[in-house]
C-alpha atoms as a PDB file:
ATOM      1  CA  MET A   1     196.597 175.927 129.827  1.00  0.00           C
ATOM      2  CA  CYS A   2     199.370 175.332 126.883  1.00  0.00           C
ATOM      3  CA  VAL A   3     200.806 178.828 127.380  1.00  0.00           C
ATOM      4  CA  HIS A   4     201.028 177.890 131.247  1.00  0.00           C
ATOM      5  CA  ILE A   5     202.871 174.325 130.313  1.00  0.00           C
ATOM      6  CA  ILE A   6     205.185 176.111 127.787  1.00  0.00           C
ATOM      7  CA  SER A   7     206.083 178.731 130.472  1.00  0.00           C
ATOM      8  CA  LEU A   8     206.655 176.025 132.940  1.00  0.00           C
ATOM      9  CA  PHE A   9     209.239 174.127 130.891  1.00  0.00           C
ATOM     10  CA  THR A  10     210.855 177.228 129.439  1.00  0.00           C
ATOM     11  CA  GLU A  11     211.609 178.541 133.008  1.00  0.00           C
ATOM     12  CA  LEU A  12     213.341 175.511 133.858  1.00  0.00           C
ATOM     13  CA  MET A  13     215.184 175.324 130.667  1.00  0.00           C
ATOM     14  CA  ALA A  14     215.889 178.699 129.425  1.00  0.00           C
ATOM     15  CA  ASN A  15     218.952 181.003 130.498  1.00  0.00           C
ATOM     16  CA  ASN A  16     218.083 183.885 128.572  1.00  0.00           C
ATOM     17  CA  LYS A  17     215.558 185.622 126.418  1.00  0.00           C
ATOM     18  CA  SER A  18     216.824 184.298 123.027  1.00  0.00           C
ATOM     19  CA  ALA A  19     216.661 180.569 124.796  1.00  0.00           C
ATOM     20  CA  LEU A  20     213.223 181.256 125.997  1.00  0.00           C
ATOM     21  CA  LYS A  21     211.757 182.209 122.616  1.00  0.00           C
ATOM     22  CA  ARG A  22     213.472 179.528 120.773  1.00  0.00           C
ATOM     23  CA  ALA A  23     211.704 177.067 123.201  1.00  0.00           C
ATOM     24  CA  GLU A  24     208.586 178.871 122.631  1.00  0.00           C
ATOM     25  CA  ILE A  25     208.925 178.414 119.103  1.00  0.00           C
ATOM     26  CA  ALA A  26     210.156 174.750 119.463  1.00  0.00           C
ATOM     27  CA  GLU A  27     206.842 174.015 121.233  1.00  0.00           C
ATOM     28  CA  ARG A  28     204.435 175.668 118.802  1.00  0.00           C
ATOM     29  CA  ASN A  29     206.068 173.980 115.715  1.00  0.00           C
ATOM     30  CA  ARG A  30     205.887 170.689 117.545  1.00  0.00           C
ATOM     31  CA  LEU A  31     202.194 171.128 118.193  1.00  0.00           C
ATOM     32  CA  ARG A  32     201.608 172.149 114.723  1.00  0.00           C
ATOM     33  CA  ASN A  33     203.754 169.137 113.386  1.00  0.00           C
ATOM     34  CA  LYS A  34     201.637 166.739 115.652  1.00  0.00           C
ATOM     35  CA  SER A  35     198.471 168.062 114.139  1.00  0.00           C
ATOM     36  CA  TYR A  36     199.617 167.316 110.677  1.00  0.00           C
ATOM     37  CA  LYS A  37     201.015 163.970 111.532  1.00  0.00           C
ATOM     38  CA  SER A  38     197.904 162.926 113.295  1.00  0.00           C
ATOM     39  CA  ALA A  39     195.759 164.001 110.114  1.00  0.00           C
ATOM     40  CA  VAL A  40     197.802 161.940 107.779  1.00  0.00           C
ATOM     41  CA  LYS A  41     197.304 158.834 110.217  1.00  0.00           C
ATOM     42  CA  THR A  42     193.615 159.532 110.357  1.00  0.00           C
ATOM     43  CA  LEU A  43     193.190 159.913 106.603  1.00  0.00           C
ATOM     44  CA  MET A  44     195.387 156.851 105.747  1.00  0.00           C
ATOM     45  CA  LYS A  45     193.327 155.051 108.211  1.00  0.00           C
ATOM     46  CA  LYS A  46     189.996 155.854 106.408  1.00  0.00           C
ATOM     47  CA  TYR A  47     191.517 155.259 103.055  1.00  0.00           C
ATOM     48  CA  LEU A  48     192.441 151.878 104.228  1.00  0.00           C
ATOM     49  CA  THR A  49     188.948 150.936 105.640  1.00  0.00           C
ATOM     50  CA  ALA A  50     187.315 152.319 102.380  1.00  0.00           C
ATOM     51  CA  VAL A  51     189.637 149.785 100.308  1.00  0.00           C
ATOM     52  CA  ASP A  52     188.818 146.879 102.462  1.00  0.00           C
ATOM     53  CA  SER A  53     185.258 147.412 102.210  1.00  0.00           C
ATOM     54  CA  TYR A  54     185.519 148.059  98.406  1.00  0.00           C
ATOM     55  CA  ALA A  55     187.643 144.524  98.360  1.00  0.00           C
ATOM     56  CA  ALA A  56     184.829 142.953 100.108  1.00  0.00           C
ATOM     57  CA  ASN A  57     181.867 144.190  98.016  1.00  0.00           C
ATOM     58  CA  PRO A  58     183.235 146.137  94.824  1.00  0.00           C
ATOM     59  CA  SER A  59     180.748 148.560  93.497  1.00  0.00           C
ATOM     60  CA  PRO A  60     181.252 151.834  91.423  1.00  0.00           C
ATOM     61  CA  GLU A  61     179.974 153.902  94.530  1.00  0.00           C
ATOM     62  CA  LEU A  62     182.582 152.324  96.710  1.00  0.00           C
ATOM     63  CA  GLN A  63     185.426 152.685  94.052  1.00  0.00           C
ATOM     64  CA  GLN A  64     184.587 156.578  93.875  1.00  0.00           C
ATOM     65  CA  ASP A  65     184.823 156.724  97.495  1.00  0.00           C
ATOM     66  CA  VAL A  66     188.197 154.980  97.598  1.00  0.00           C
ATOM     67  CA  GLN A  67     189.401 157.293  94.956  1.00  0.00           C
ATOM     68  CA  ALA A  68     188.075 160.312  97.064  1.00  0.00           C
ATOM     69  CA  LYS A  69     189.665 159.195  99.981  1.00  0.00           C
ATOM     70  CA  MET A  70     192.972 158.377  98.508  1.00  0.00           C
ATOM     71  CA  SER A  71     192.808 161.859  96.995  1.00  0.00           C
ATOM     72  CA  GLU A  72     192.489 163.525 100.612  1.00  0.00           C
ATOM     73  CA  ALA A  73     195.262 161.235 102.076  1.00  0.00           C
ATOM     74  CA  TYR A  74     197.519 162.418  99.178  1.00  0.00           C
ATOM     75  CA  SER A  75     196.917 165.632  99.312  1.00  0.00           C
ATOM     76  CA  LYS A  76     197.732 165.970 103.247  1.00  0.00           C
ATOM     77  CA  ILE A  77     200.610 163.927 102.712  1.00  0.00           C
ATOM     78  CA  ASP A  78     202.036 166.392 100.155  1.00  0.00           C
ATOM     79  CA  LYS A  79     201.258 169.384 102.294  1.00  0.00           C
ATOM     80  CA  ALA A  80     203.014 167.739 105.443  1.00  0.00           C
ATOM     81  CA  VAL A  81     206.151 167.143 103.099  1.00  0.00           C
ATOM     82  CA  LYS A  82     205.732 170.697 101.704  1.00  0.00           C
ATOM     83  CA  ARG A  83     205.857 172.179 105.119  1.00  0.00           C
ATOM     84  CA  GLY A  84     208.731 169.896 106.266  1.00  0.00           C
ATOM     85  CA  VAL A  85     206.645 167.708 108.721  1.00  0.00           C
ATOM     86  CA  LEU A  86     207.354 164.668 106.932  1.00  0.00           C
ATOM     87  CA  HIS A  87     210.660 163.772 105.102  1.00  0.00           C
ATOM     88  CA  PRO A  88     210.053 163.510 101.245  1.00  0.00           C
ATOM     89  CA  ASN A  89     210.892 159.879 101.207  1.00  0.00           C
ATOM     90  CA  THR A  90     208.676 159.301 104.164  1.00  0.00           C
ATOM     91  CA  GLY A  91     205.902 160.937 102.070  1.00  0.00           C
ATOM     92  CA  ALA A  92     206.716 158.987  99.056  1.00  0.00           C
ATOM     93  CA  ARG A  93     206.593 155.750 101.066  1.00  0.00           C
ATOM     94  CA  LYS A  94     203.177 156.310 102.742  1.00  0.00           C
ATOM     95  CA  LYS A  95     201.873 157.116  99.132  1.00  0.00           C
ATOM     96  CA  SER A  96     203.215 153.904  97.644  1.00  0.00           C
ATOM     97  CA  ARG A  97     201.743 151.720 100.374  1.00  0.00           C
ATOM     98  CA  LEU A  98     198.438 153.519  99.970  1.00  0.00           C
ATOM     99  CA  ALA A  99     198.655 152.692  96.092  1.00  0.00           C
ATOM    100  CA  LYS A 100     199.783 149.262  96.620  1.00  0.00           C
ATOM    101  CA  ARG A 101     197.023 148.410  98.823  1.00  0.00           C
ATOM    102  CA  LEU A 102     194.493 149.352  96.212  1.00  0.00           C
ATOM    103  CA  ALA A 103     196.364 147.491  93.692  1.00  0.00           C
ATOM    104  CA  ALA A 104     196.295 144.389  95.769  1.00  0.00           C
ATOM    105  CA  THR A 105     192.656 144.463  95.869  1.00  0.00           C
ATOM    106  CA  SER A 106     192.122 145.008  92.173  1.00  0.00           C
ATOM    107  CA  VAL A 107     194.177 141.764  91.232  1.00  0.00           C
END
């Protein structure tokens, strides 16, 4: 289905072979970037729910869970920045917000 949609859009836009190829590459990259951004958002949400549960009932097990989820989120953000999906400042801002949320529960 995805290939059919690509060919449908590119037939309308592309006037030559190179324009067709660029349109296909742009669509492929858009889908790849979308999956990275979605994964980053999902991991951030999981981390934030873990922090909230830790804040409500602090325990060593929950603290380890928070650290593990933070590590996963940081890793995915760093990979997205490395691949050019996210701007470096955006990645830094997201990581800073995650750390800030945890620091607020410790105070």
